[in-house]
Amino acid sequence: MLSSPRFLQGVFTFEGKGLDQAFLLDAALTYVVPDGVVAQPVYFRGGNASGELVSVVLMRDGQPMRYFPIGAKNHTHVALRVVEDLEAGTGMELHVAAPAGTSVTLIVDLGLVEVHP
């Protein structure tokens, strides 16, 4: 079996629209599992430079899959290995939510592995 790592990552600045108003932060934070492979989320790391709680939402085919709250001026690391397999064609996106009007700088790093049977 062969495997390949994939990452959705970067440093992003945005203005919050409300904790109940998650939105796609950047097109670079999207991923579709290629044909002929199975993907597995391995970890999520995130850092929040703002003075307010923010939430990163891992979306699977348009539906929330996991929520990662990140405290004010804090960080989080969540191991996801062997949580579940993502079949070919599954779409993943990282959305964010923060209190309305809050200026946020966020560092995100979602690691996945593609398994080639």
Protein backbone atom coordinates (compact mmCIF):
# COMPACT_ATOMS: atom_id res chain seq x y z
CA MET A 1 0.00 0.00 0.00
CA LEU A 2 1.23 3.47 -0.88
CA SER A 3 0.28 6.62 0.98
CA SER A 4 0.63 10.35 0.36
CA PRO A 5 0.28 13.20 2.86
CA ARG A 6 -2.02 16.14 2.12
CA PHE A 7 -2.32 19.37 4.10
CA LEU A 8 -4.85 22.19 4.35
CA GLN A 9 -2.89 24.94 6.04
CA GLY A 10 -1.99 28.59 6.23
CA VAL A 11 -2.16 31.83 8.16
CA PHE A 12 -5.36 33.82 7.62
CA THR A 13 -6.77 37.13 8.85
CA PHE A 14 -10.52 37.71 8.79
CA GLU A 15 -13.36 39.50 10.56
CA GLY A 16 -15.85 37.39 12.52
CA LYS A 17 -19.50 37.28 11.49
CA GLY A 18 -20.77 35.55 14.67
CA LEU A 19 -20.06 32.23 16.34
CA ASP A 20 -23.15 30.83 14.64
CA GLN A 21 -22.04 32.11 11.20
CA ALA A 22 -19.25 29.78 10.07
CA PHE A 23 -17.90 30.42 6.58
CA LEU A 24 -15.23 29.08 4.24
CA LEU A 25 -12.09 31.00 5.14
CA ASP A 26 -10.17 30.50 1.90
CA ALA A 27 -10.41 28.31 -1.22
CA ALA A 28 -7.00 26.83 -0.25
CA LEU A 29 -8.79 25.10 2.64
CA THR A 30 -10.78 22.75 0.40
CA TYR A 31 -9.99 19.18 -0.61
CA VAL A 32 -11.73 16.42 -2.57
CA VAL A 33 -10.59 12.82 -2.11
CA PRO A 34 -9.28 11.68 -5.52
CA ASP A 35 -10.64 8.64 -7.35
CA GLY A 36 -8.99 5.37 -6.41
CA VAL A 37 -7.87 6.41 -2.92
CA VAL A 38 -9.22 6.58 0.61
CA ALA A 39 -8.20 9.54 2.79
CA GLN A 40 -7.91 9.67 6.57
CA PRO A 41 -7.72 12.84 8.66
CA VAL A 42 -4.62 12.52 10.86
CA TYR A 43 -4.55 15.70 12.96
CA PHE A 44 -5.76 19.27 13.31
CA ARG A 45 -3.64 22.06 14.76
CA GLY A 46 -4.78 25.63 15.12
CA GLY A 47 -3.63 28.84 16.75
CA ASN A 48 -5.72 31.91 17.52
CA ALA A 49 -4.03 35.31 17.96
CA SER A 50 -7.26 37.16 18.80
CA GLY A 51 -8.64 37.92 22.25
CA GLU A 52 -11.85 35.97 21.55
CA LEU A 53 -12.86 32.32 21.19
CA VAL A 54 -12.99 31.13 17.58
CA SER A 55 -14.18 27.84 16.13
CA VAL A 56 -12.87 25.95 13.13
CA VAL A 57 -15.45 23.63 11.58
CA LEU A 58 -14.35 20.69 9.45
CA MET A 59 -17.07 20.27 6.85
CA ARG A 60 -17.69 16.99 5.02
CA ASP A 61 -19.78 17.25 1.85
CA GLY A 62 -21.35 20.48 3.16
CA GLN A 63 -22.17 19.15 6.65
CA PRO A 64 -20.26 19.76 9.90
CA MET A 65 -18.01 16.79 10.71
CA ARG A 66 -15.91 18.11 13.62
CA TYR A 67 -15.72 21.37 15.61
CA PHE A 68 -12.38 22.66 16.91
CA PRO A 69 -12.84 25.55 19.38
CA ILE A 70 -9.68 27.58 19.93
CA GLY A 71 -9.56 29.82 22.99
CA ALA A 72 -8.45 33.44 23.03
CA LYS A 73 -4.71 33.74 22.31
CA ASN A 74 -4.47 29.97 22.49
CA HIS A 75 -3.89 26.88 20.37
CA THR A 76 -5.18 23.35 19.99
CA HIS A 77 -3.86 20.03 18.69
CA VAL A 78 -6.28 17.16 18.06
CA ALA A 79 -5.15 13.73 16.88
CA LEU A 80 -7.64 12.27 14.41
CA ARG A 81 -5.85 9.17 13.17
CA VAL A 82 -8.14 6.24 12.41
CA VAL A 83 -11.25 8.25 13.24
CA GLU A 84 -12.81 7.34 9.90
CA ASP A 85 -12.07 6.76 6.24
CA LEU A 86 -13.11 9.28 3.61
CA GLU A 87 -14.12 7.64 0.34
CA ALA A 88 -13.22 8.95 -3.14
CA GLY A 89 -15.23 12.03 -4.08
CA THR A 90 -15.74 13.20 -0.47
CA GLY A 91 -15.36 16.97 -0.21
CA MET A 92 -13.67 18.57 2.81
CA GLU A 93 -13.57 22.25 3.77
CA LEU A 94 -12.37 24.21 6.81
CA HIS A 95 -14.85 26.88 7.89
CA VAL A 96 -14.38 29.40 10.70
CA ALA A 97 -16.59 31.27 13.11
CA ALA A 98 -15.78 34.13 15.46
CA PRO A 99 -17.78 36.80 17.32
CA ALA A 100 -19.16 39.47 15.00
CA GLY A 101 -16.70 42.28 14.34
CA THR A 102 -13.72 40.48 15.88
CA SER A 103 -10.50 40.80 13.90
CA VAL A 104 -8.81 37.39 13.91
CA THR A 105 -5.47 36.02 12.77
CA LEU A 106 -5.67 32.25 12.69
CA ILE A 107 -3.12 29.58 11.89
CA VAL A 108 -4.62 26.27 10.71
CA ASP A 109 -3.03 22.96 9.75
CA LEU A 110 -5.16 19.92 8.89
CA GLY A 111 -3.12 16.84 7.99
CA LEU A 112 -4.58 14.00 5.97
CA VAL A 113 -3.12 10.88 4.42
CA GLU A 114 -4.26 9.41 1.12
CA VAL A 115 -4.06 5.61 1.02
CA HIS A 116 -3.61 4.04 -2.41
CA PRO A 117 -4.81 0.41 -2.18
